């Protein structure tokens, strides 16, 4: 995951697992937001079952959890299946003029 973080100035990583109900609720919202911000923000998924070491490294204790990166640094994290409008508001607040 290190290369993905380094190579994408604006990145949102969705930490999830296939058995997680809230993760399945969040997935289509993430897909919609990824489409809306295509070319501006990179969205990635990290299956915590298959990548337990990465989940441990980032201190994931609940899923779904979204990490917001800017130039390789975590600038925000949020857990739970939040509504699209709430996530979009956070994206605009965090990345501001970088996504206009």
N, C-alpha and C. Protein backbone atom coordinates (compact mmCIF):
# COMPACT_ATOMS: atom_id res chain seq x y z
N UNK A 1 0.82 -1.19 0.00
CA UNK A 1 0.00 0.00 0.00
C UNK A 1 0.86 1.26 0.00
N UNK A 2 2.09 1.13 0.40
CA UNK A 2 2.99 2.28 0.45
C UNK A 2 3.12 3.00 -0.88
N UNK A 3 3.22 2.24 -1.97
CA UNK A 3 3.36 2.85 -3.28
C UNK A 3 2.10 3.63 -3.66
N UNK A 4 0.95 3.09 -3.36
CA UNK A 4 -0.31 3.77 -3.66
C UNK A 4 -0.38 5.10 -2.91
N UNK A 5 0.04 5.09 -1.65
CA UNK A 5 0.03 6.31 -0.84
C UNK A 5 1.01 7.33 -1.41
N UNK A 6 2.21 6.88 -1.77
CA UNK A 6 3.23 7.80 -2.30
C UNK A 6 2.86 8.36 -3.66
N UNK A 7 2.23 7.57 -4.50
CA UNK A 7 1.98 7.96 -5.88
C UNK A 7 0.71 8.78 -6.09
N UNK A 8 -0.11 8.93 -5.08
CA UNK A 8 -1.38 9.65 -5.23
C UNK A 8 -1.47 10.79 -4.23
N UNK A 9 -1.34 12.03 -4.71
CA UNK A 9 -1.34 13.18 -3.80
C UNK A 9 -2.61 13.28 -2.95
N UNK A 10 -3.76 12.97 -3.54
CA UNK A 10 -5.03 12.96 -2.81
C UNK A 10 -5.59 11.55 -2.90
N UNK A 11 -5.72 10.91 -1.75
CA UNK A 11 -6.08 9.49 -1.71
C UNK A 11 -7.03 9.24 -0.54
N UNK A 12 -8.06 8.44 -0.81
CA UNK A 12 -8.96 7.97 0.25
C UNK A 12 -8.95 6.45 0.21
N UNK A 13 -8.60 5.83 1.33
CA UNK A 13 -8.53 4.37 1.41
C UNK A 13 -9.68 3.87 2.29
N UNK A 14 -10.44 2.94 1.74
CA UNK A 14 -11.55 2.31 2.44
C UNK A 14 -11.06 0.98 3.00
N UNK A 15 -10.94 0.89 4.32
CA UNK A 15 -10.59 -0.37 4.99
C UNK A 15 -11.90 -1.11 5.26
N UNK A 16 -12.02 -2.33 4.75
CA UNK A 16 -13.27 -3.07 4.76
C UNK A 16 -13.00 -4.56 4.85
N UNK A 17 -14.08 -5.33 4.95
CA UNK A 17 -14.02 -6.79 4.88
C UNK A 17 -15.31 -7.29 4.24
N UNK A 18 -15.25 -8.42 3.52
CA UNK A 18 -16.43 -8.91 2.80
C UNK A 18 -17.61 -9.28 3.70
N UNK A 19 -17.37 -9.68 4.93
CA UNK A 19 -18.43 -10.11 5.84
C UNK A 19 -19.09 -8.93 6.56
N UNK A 20 -18.59 -7.74 6.37
CA UNK A 20 -19.01 -6.55 7.12
C UNK A 20 -20.22 -5.89 6.45
N UNK A 21 -21.37 -5.93 7.11
CA UNK A 21 -22.59 -5.34 6.57
C UNK A 21 -22.47 -3.84 6.29
N UNK A 22 -22.01 -3.04 7.26
CA UNK A 22 -21.85 -1.61 6.99
C UNK A 22 -20.87 -1.33 5.83
N UNK A 23 -19.89 -2.20 5.64
CA UNK A 23 -18.95 -2.05 4.52
C UNK A 23 -19.69 -2.20 3.20
N UNK A 24 -20.61 -3.15 3.15
CA UNK A 24 -21.40 -3.36 1.93
C UNK A 24 -22.34 -2.19 1.66
N UNK A 25 -22.82 -1.54 2.72
CA UNK A 25 -23.65 -0.35 2.56
C UNK A 25 -22.82 0.81 2.02
N UNK A 26 -21.60 0.93 2.50
CA UNK A 26 -20.73 2.04 2.11
C UNK A 26 -20.15 1.89 0.70
N UNK A 27 -19.98 0.67 0.24
CA UNK A 27 -19.30 0.42 -1.05
C UNK A 27 -19.90 1.20 -2.22
N UNK A 28 -21.21 1.18 -2.45
CA UNK A 28 -21.74 1.94 -3.59
C UNK A 28 -21.59 3.45 -3.43
N UNK A 29 -21.57 3.92 -2.20
CA UNK A 29 -21.36 5.35 -1.94
C UNK A 29 -19.94 5.73 -2.34
N UNK A 30 -18.98 4.89 -1.97
CA UNK A 30 -17.59 5.13 -2.34
C UNK A 30 -17.44 5.11 -3.86
N UNK A 31 -18.10 4.17 -4.52
CA UNK A 31 -18.03 4.11 -5.98
C UNK A 31 -18.58 5.38 -6.62
N UNK A 32 -19.68 5.89 -6.10
CA UNK A 32 -20.26 7.13 -6.62
C UNK A 32 -19.30 8.31 -6.43
N UNK A 33 -18.74 8.41 -5.24
CA UNK A 33 -17.81 9.50 -4.96
C UNK A 33 -16.55 9.38 -5.82
N UNK A 34 -16.08 8.15 -6.02
CA UNK A 34 -14.90 7.94 -6.87
C UNK A 34 -15.18 8.42 -8.29
N UNK A 35 -16.38 8.17 -8.78
CA UNK A 35 -16.76 8.64 -10.10
C UNK A 35 -16.84 10.16 -10.15
N UNK A 36 -17.41 10.74 -9.11
CA UNK A 36 -17.56 12.20 -9.06
C UNK A 36 -16.22 12.92 -8.99
N UNK A 37 -15.24 12.31 -8.34
CA UNK A 37 -13.93 12.94 -8.17
C UNK A 37 -12.84 12.30 -9.03
N UNK A 38 -13.25 11.57 -10.06
CA UNK A 38 -12.29 10.92 -10.95
C UNK A 38 -11.32 11.96 -11.52
N UNK A 39 -10.04 11.61 -11.50
CA UNK A 39 -9.01 12.51 -12.00
C UNK A 39 -8.53 13.52 -10.96
N UNK A 40 -9.20 13.59 -9.82
CA UNK A 40 -8.82 14.53 -8.77
C UNK A 40 -8.38 13.82 -7.49
N UNK A 41 -9.16 12.81 -7.11
CA UNK A 41 -8.87 12.04 -5.89
C UNK A 41 -8.86 10.57 -6.27
N UNK A 42 -7.86 9.85 -5.80
CA UNK A 42 -7.80 8.41 -6.01
C UNK A 42 -8.47 7.73 -4.83
N UNK A 43 -9.33 6.77 -5.11
CA UNK A 43 -9.97 5.96 -4.08
C UNK A 43 -9.40 4.56 -4.17
N UNK A 44 -9.10 3.96 -3.02
CA UNK A 44 -8.57 2.60 -2.98
C UNK A 44 -9.27 1.83 -1.86
N UNK A 45 -9.26 0.51 -1.98
CA UNK A 45 -9.87 -0.35 -0.97
C UNK A 45 -8.79 -1.27 -0.40
N UNK A 46 -8.89 -1.53 0.89
CA UNK A 46 -7.96 -2.44 1.54
C UNK A 46 -8.78 -3.45 2.36
N UNK A 47 -8.80 -4.69 1.90
CA UNK A 47 -9.51 -5.76 2.59
C UNK A 47 -8.71 -6.12 3.85
N UNK A 48 -9.29 -5.85 5.01
CA UNK A 48 -8.55 -6.06 6.26
C UNK A 48 -8.33 -7.53 6.57
N UNK A 49 -9.17 -8.42 6.03
CA UNK A 49 -8.95 -9.85 6.22
C UNK A 49 -7.71 -10.32 5.47
N UNK A 50 -7.52 -9.80 4.27
CA UNK A 50 -6.38 -10.21 3.43
C UNK A 50 -5.12 -9.41 3.72
N UNK A 51 -5.26 -8.28 4.40
CA UNK A 51 -4.13 -7.39 4.66
C UNK A 51 -4.09 -7.01 6.14
N UNK A 52 -4.02 -8.03 6.99
CA UNK A 52 -4.07 -7.79 8.43
C UNK A 52 -2.90 -6.95 8.93
N UNK A 53 -1.74 -7.12 8.33
CA UNK A 53 -0.56 -6.35 8.76
C UNK A 53 -0.75 -4.86 8.47
N UNK A 54 -1.32 -4.55 7.30
CA UNK A 54 -1.58 -3.14 6.96
C UNK A 54 -2.63 -2.56 7.90
N UNK A 55 -3.68 -3.32 8.17
CA UNK A 55 -4.72 -2.86 9.09
C UNK A 55 -4.13 -2.60 10.47
N UNK A 56 -3.26 -3.47 10.91
CA UNK A 56 -2.59 -3.30 12.20
C UNK A 56 -1.71 -2.05 12.18
N UNK A 57 -0.97 -1.89 11.10
CA UNK A 57 -0.06 -0.75 10.96
C UNK A 57 -0.81 0.58 11.07
N UNK A 58 -2.02 0.63 10.52
CA UNK A 58 -2.81 1.86 10.56
C UNK A 58 -3.76 1.92 11.76
N UNK A 59 -3.70 0.93 12.63
CA UNK A 59 -4.50 0.95 13.85
C UNK A 59 -5.99 0.82 13.61
N UNK A 60 -6.36 0.02 12.62
CA UNK A 60 -7.78 -0.17 12.31
C UNK A 60 -8.41 -1.04 13.40
N UNK A 61 -9.38 -0.49 14.10
CA UNK A 61 -10.06 -1.25 15.15
C UNK A 61 -11.54 -1.46 14.84
N UNK A 62 -12.04 -0.76 13.82
CA UNK A 62 -13.44 -0.91 13.40
C UNK A 62 -13.50 -0.70 11.89
N UNK A 63 -14.41 -1.41 11.25
CA UNK A 63 -14.60 -1.22 9.82
C UNK A 63 -16.07 -0.99 9.54
N UNK A 64 -16.39 -0.27 8.49
CA UNK A 64 -15.47 0.38 7.57
C UNK A 64 -14.80 1.61 8.21
N UNK A 65 -13.57 1.84 7.82
CA UNK A 65 -12.84 3.04 8.21
C UNK A 65 -12.24 3.63 6.95
N UNK A 66 -12.40 4.93 6.78
CA UNK A 66 -11.81 5.63 5.65
C UNK A 66 -10.65 6.47 6.14
N UNK A 67 -9.53 6.38 5.43
CA UNK A 67 -8.37 7.22 5.70
C UNK A 67 -8.24 8.20 4.56
N UNK A 68 -8.08 9.46 4.89
CA UNK A 68 -7.89 10.52 3.91
C UNK A 68 -6.41 10.92 3.95
N UNK A 69 -5.74 10.77 2.81
CA UNK A 69 -4.33 11.11 2.71
C UNK A 69 -4.14 12.35 1.84
N UNK A 70 -3.16 13.15 2.18
CA UNK A 70 -2.76 14.25 1.33
C UNK A 70 -1.24 14.25 1.29
N UNK A 71 -0.70 14.03 0.09
CA UNK A 71 0.75 13.96 -0.11
C UNK A 71 1.41 12.98 0.86
N UNK A 72 0.80 11.80 1.01
CA UNK A 72 1.38 10.74 1.81
C UNK A 72 1.11 10.79 3.30
N UNK A 73 0.41 11.82 3.76
CA UNK A 73 0.14 11.98 5.19
C UNK A 73 -1.35 11.80 5.46
N UNK A 74 -1.66 11.05 6.52
CA UNK A 74 -3.06 10.90 6.93
C UNK A 74 -3.50 12.24 7.51
N UNK A 75 -4.55 12.82 6.91
CA UNK A 75 -5.05 14.09 7.42
C UNK A 75 -6.40 13.94 8.13
N UNK A 76 -7.03 12.78 7.96
CA UNK A 76 -8.34 12.56 8.60
C UNK A 76 -8.68 11.08 8.51
N UNK A 77 -9.48 10.62 9.43
CA UNK A 77 -10.03 9.26 9.36
C UNK A 77 -11.43 9.27 9.92
N UNK A 78 -12.27 8.41 9.38
CA UNK A 78 -13.66 8.34 9.84
C UNK A 78 -14.10 6.88 9.76
N UNK A 79 -14.89 6.46 10.74
CA UNK A 79 -15.38 5.08 10.78
C UNK A 79 -16.90 5.06 10.65
N UNK A 80 -17.39 3.98 10.07
CA UNK A 80 -18.83 3.78 9.95
C UNK A 80 -19.33 4.03 8.55
N UNK A 81 -20.54 3.57 8.29
CA UNK A 81 -21.18 3.75 6.99
C UNK A 81 -21.93 5.07 7.01
N UNK A 82 -21.23 6.12 6.66
CA UNK A 82 -21.81 7.46 6.68
C UNK A 82 -22.56 7.75 5.39
N UNK A 83 -23.55 8.63 5.44
CA UNK A 83 -24.28 9.00 4.22
C UNK A 83 -23.37 9.70 3.21
N UNK A 84 -23.72 9.57 1.94
CA UNK A 84 -22.94 10.16 0.87
C UNK A 84 -22.74 11.66 1.08
N UNK A 85 -23.79 12.36 1.46
CA UNK A 85 -23.72 13.81 1.64
C UNK A 85 -22.70 14.17 2.71
N UNK A 86 -22.66 13.40 3.78
CA UNK A 86 -21.72 13.67 4.87
C UNK A 86 -20.28 13.45 4.41
N UNK A 87 -20.04 12.36 3.69
CA UNK A 87 -18.69 12.09 3.20
C UNK A 87 -18.27 13.14 2.17
N UNK A 88 -19.18 13.52 1.29
CA UNK A 88 -18.86 14.53 0.30
C UNK A 88 -18.50 15.86 0.96
N UNK A 89 -19.21 16.21 2.00
CA UNK A 89 -18.92 17.44 2.75
C UNK A 89 -17.52 17.36 3.37
N UNK A 90 -17.16 16.19 3.91
CA UNK A 90 -15.83 16.04 4.50
C UNK A 90 -14.74 16.13 3.44
N UNK A 91 -14.99 15.52 2.28
CA UNK A 91 -14.02 15.58 1.18
C UNK A 91 -13.78 17.03 0.77
N UNK A 92 -14.85 17.77 0.58
CA UNK A 92 -14.73 19.18 0.16
C UNK A 92 -14.03 20.01 1.23
N UNK A 93 -14.33 19.73 2.50
CA UNK A 93 -13.71 20.47 3.59
C UNK A 93 -12.21 20.17 3.69
N UNK A 94 -11.86 18.89 3.54
CA UNK A 94 -10.46 18.49 3.70
C UNK A 94 -9.58 18.86 2.50
N UNK A 95 -10.10 18.68 1.30
CA UNK A 95 -9.27 18.87 0.09
C UNK A 95 -9.49 20.22 -0.57
N UNK A 96 -10.57 20.91 -0.23
CA UNK A 96 -10.83 22.27 -0.68
C UNK A 96 -10.45 22.59 -2.11
N UNK A 97 -9.59 23.58 -2.26
CA UNK A 97 -9.23 24.09 -3.59
C UNK A 97 -8.48 23.07 -4.43
N UNK A 98 -7.94 22.03 -3.83
CA UNK A 98 -7.22 21.00 -4.58
C UNK A 98 -8.12 20.21 -5.52
N UNK A 99 -9.43 20.24 -5.27
CA UNK A 99 -10.34 19.42 -6.08
C UNK A 99 -11.26 20.26 -6.97
N UNK A 100 -11.10 21.55 -6.95
CA UNK A 100 -11.96 22.41 -7.78
C UNK A 100 -11.52 22.42 -9.21
